[in-house]
Amino acid sequence: MISIQFFARYREALGSDGERLQWDASLASVNDVRQHLLARGGAWEVLAEQNLMCARNQELCGLDEPVSDGDEVAFFPTVTGG
């Protein structure tokens, strides 16, 4: 299983702070997980944002980061301050 967490605006848009997906070889990277979620359409398209940030096992990473069974993947928008 992969635990997926959504933060800030993504959590609000999706109406959920996370879910669990059964891991399989097609979910080999963070981007594969994102594409799997995007395929749902509708509100999930919020994850198509170009400036999306992500983490694997609570460490910032790129979309090409490998994913294994038991990992946690998090998606969150970039943070700006003033």
C-alpha atoms as a PDB file:
ATOM      1  CA  MET A   1       0.000   0.000   0.000  1.00  0.00           C
ATOM      2  CA  ILE A   2       0.995   3.588  -0.637  1.00  0.00           C
ATOM      3  CA  SER A   3      -0.274   6.306   1.685  1.00  0.00           C
ATOM      4  CA  ILE A   4      -1.060   9.518  -0.152  1.00  0.00           C
ATOM      5  CA  GLN A   5      -1.446  12.843   1.625  1.00  0.00           C
ATOM      6  CA  PHE A   6      -2.901  16.082   0.252  1.00  0.00           C
ATOM      7  CA  PHE A   7      -2.169  19.437   1.850  1.00  0.00           C
ATOM      8  CA  ALA A   8      -3.473  23.005   1.800  1.00  0.00           C
ATOM      9  CA  ARG A   9      -5.409  23.956  -1.339  1.00  0.00           C
ATOM     10  CA  TYR A  10      -5.209  20.404  -2.716  1.00  0.00           C
ATOM     11  CA  ARG A  11      -6.886  18.988   0.377  1.00  0.00           C
ATOM     12  CA  GLU A  12      -9.652  21.571   0.027  1.00  0.00           C
ATOM     13  CA  ALA A  13     -10.153  20.957  -3.707  1.00  0.00           C
ATOM     14  CA  LEU A  14     -10.252  17.181  -3.293  1.00  0.00           C
ATOM     15  CA  GLY A  15     -12.277  17.159  -0.062  1.00  0.00           C
ATOM     16  CA  SER A  16      -9.810  14.716   1.462  1.00  0.00           C
ATOM     17  CA  ASP A  17      -6.536  14.824   3.360  1.00  0.00           C
ATOM     18  CA  GLY A  18      -5.392  11.494   1.958  1.00  0.00           C
ATOM     19  CA  GLU A  19      -6.026   7.949   0.878  1.00  0.00           C
ATOM     20  CA  ARG A  20      -4.313   4.627   0.387  1.00  0.00           C
ATOM     21  CA  LEU A  21      -3.604   2.933  -2.929  1.00  0.00           C
ATOM     22  CA  GLN A  22      -2.664  -0.655  -3.520  1.00  0.00           C
ATOM     23  CA  TRP A  23       0.930  -0.543  -4.797  1.00  0.00           C
ATOM     24  CA  ASP A  24       1.823  -2.244  -8.061  1.00  0.00           C
ATOM     25  CA  ALA A  25       4.659  -1.942 -10.583  1.00  0.00           C
ATOM     26  CA  SER A  26       2.773   0.711 -12.584  1.00  0.00           C
ATOM     27  CA  LEU A  27       3.222   3.088  -9.610  1.00  0.00           C
ATOM     28  CA  ALA A  28       7.020   3.144  -9.828  1.00  0.00           C
ATOM     29  CA  SER A  29       7.501   6.901  -9.273  1.00  0.00           C
ATOM     30  CA  VAL A  30       5.818   9.850  -7.620  1.00  0.00           C
ATOM     31  CA  ASN A  31       4.770  11.021 -11.069  1.00  0.00           C
ATOM     32  CA  ASP A  32       3.176   7.626 -11.789  1.00  0.00           C
ATOM     33  CA  VAL A  33       1.096   8.061  -8.629  1.00  0.00           C
ATOM     34  CA  ARG A  34       0.158  11.583  -9.712  1.00  0.00           C
ATOM     35  CA  GLN A  35      -0.821  10.413 -13.213  1.00  0.00           C
ATOM     36  CA  HIS A  36      -2.950   7.629 -11.690  1.00  0.00           C
ATOM     37  CA  LEU A  37      -4.842  10.239  -9.652  1.00  0.00           C
ATOM     38  CA  LEU A  38      -5.113  12.682 -12.572  1.00  0.00           C
ATOM     39  CA  ALA A  39      -6.777   9.979 -14.674  1.00  0.00           C
ATOM     40  CA  ARG A  40      -9.803  10.302 -12.381  1.00  0.00           C
ATOM     41  CA  GLY A  41     -10.532  13.711 -13.947  1.00  0.00           C
ATOM     42  CA  GLY A  42     -12.638  16.437 -12.394  1.00  0.00           C
ATOM     43  CA  ALA A  43     -11.255  17.937  -9.195  1.00  0.00           C
ATOM     44  CA  TRP A  44      -8.194  15.665  -9.458  1.00  0.00           C
ATOM     45  CA  GLU A  45      -6.876  17.879 -12.246  1.00  0.00           C
ATOM     46  CA  VAL A  46      -5.658  20.259  -9.525  1.00  0.00           C
ATOM     47  CA  LEU A  47      -2.667  17.897  -9.272  1.00  0.00           C
ATOM     48  CA  ALA A  48      -1.674  18.799 -12.849  1.00  0.00           C
ATOM     49  CA  GLU A  49      -0.294  22.146 -11.708  1.00  0.00           C
ATOM     50  CA  GLN A  50       3.204  22.785 -12.978  1.00  0.00           C
ATOM     51  CA  ASN A  51       4.502  24.091  -9.630  1.00  0.00           C
ATOM     52  CA  LEU A  52       3.233  21.171  -7.571  1.00  0.00           C
ATOM     53  CA  MET A  53       5.542  20.097  -4.757  1.00  0.00           C
ATOM     54  CA  CYS A  54       5.867  16.564  -3.515  1.00  0.00           C
ATOM     55  CA  ALA A  55       7.512  14.471  -0.839  1.00  0.00           C
ATOM     56  CA  ARG A  56       8.261  10.793  -0.373  1.00  0.00           C
ATOM     57  CA  ASN A  57       8.439   9.531   3.199  1.00  0.00           C
ATOM     58  CA  GLN A  58       8.360  13.117   4.499  1.00  0.00           C
ATOM     59  CA  GLU A  59      11.342  14.305   2.423  1.00  0.00           C
ATOM     60  CA  LEU A  60      10.959  16.756  -0.453  1.00  0.00           C
ATOM     61  CA  CYS A  61      11.583  15.099  -3.788  1.00  0.00           C
ATOM     62  CA  GLY A  62      11.049  15.409  -7.507  1.00  0.00           C
ATOM     63  CA  LEU A  63       8.347  13.733  -9.530  1.00  0.00           C
ATOM     64  CA  ASP A  64      10.901  11.185 -10.760  1.00  0.00           C
ATOM     65  CA  GLU A  65      11.450   9.853  -7.216  1.00  0.00           C
ATOM     66  CA  PRO A  66      10.966   6.057  -7.062  1.00  0.00           C
ATOM     67  CA  VAL A  67       8.055   4.724  -5.002  1.00  0.00           C
ATOM     68  CA  SER A  68       7.930   1.383  -3.207  1.00  0.00           C
ATOM     69  CA  ASP A  69       5.280  -0.550  -1.351  1.00  0.00           C
ATOM     70  CA  GLY A  70       4.780   1.019   2.089  1.00  0.00           C
ATOM     71  CA  ASP A  71       5.869   4.535   1.091  1.00  0.00           C
ATOM     72  CA  GLU A  72       4.040   7.748   1.874  1.00  0.00           C
ATOM     73  CA  VAL A  73       3.637  10.280  -0.953  1.00  0.00           C
ATOM     74  CA  ALA A  74       2.497  13.837  -0.281  1.00  0.00           C
ATOM     75  CA  PHE A  75       1.357  16.540  -2.688  1.00  0.00           C
ATOM     76  CA  PHE A  76       1.171  20.230  -1.802  1.00  0.00           C
ATOM     77  CA  PRO A  77       1.174  23.562  -3.621  1.00  0.00           C
ATOM     78  CA  THR A  78       4.180  25.844  -3.533  1.00  0.00           C
ATOM     79  CA  VAL A  79       4.195  28.217  -0.610  1.00  0.00           C
ATOM     80  CA  THR A  80       4.679  31.929  -1.066  1.00  0.00           C
ATOM     81  CA  GLY A  81       5.158  34.509   1.583  1.00  0.00           C
ATOM     82  CA  GLY A  82       5.321  38.232   1.817  1.00  0.00           C
END
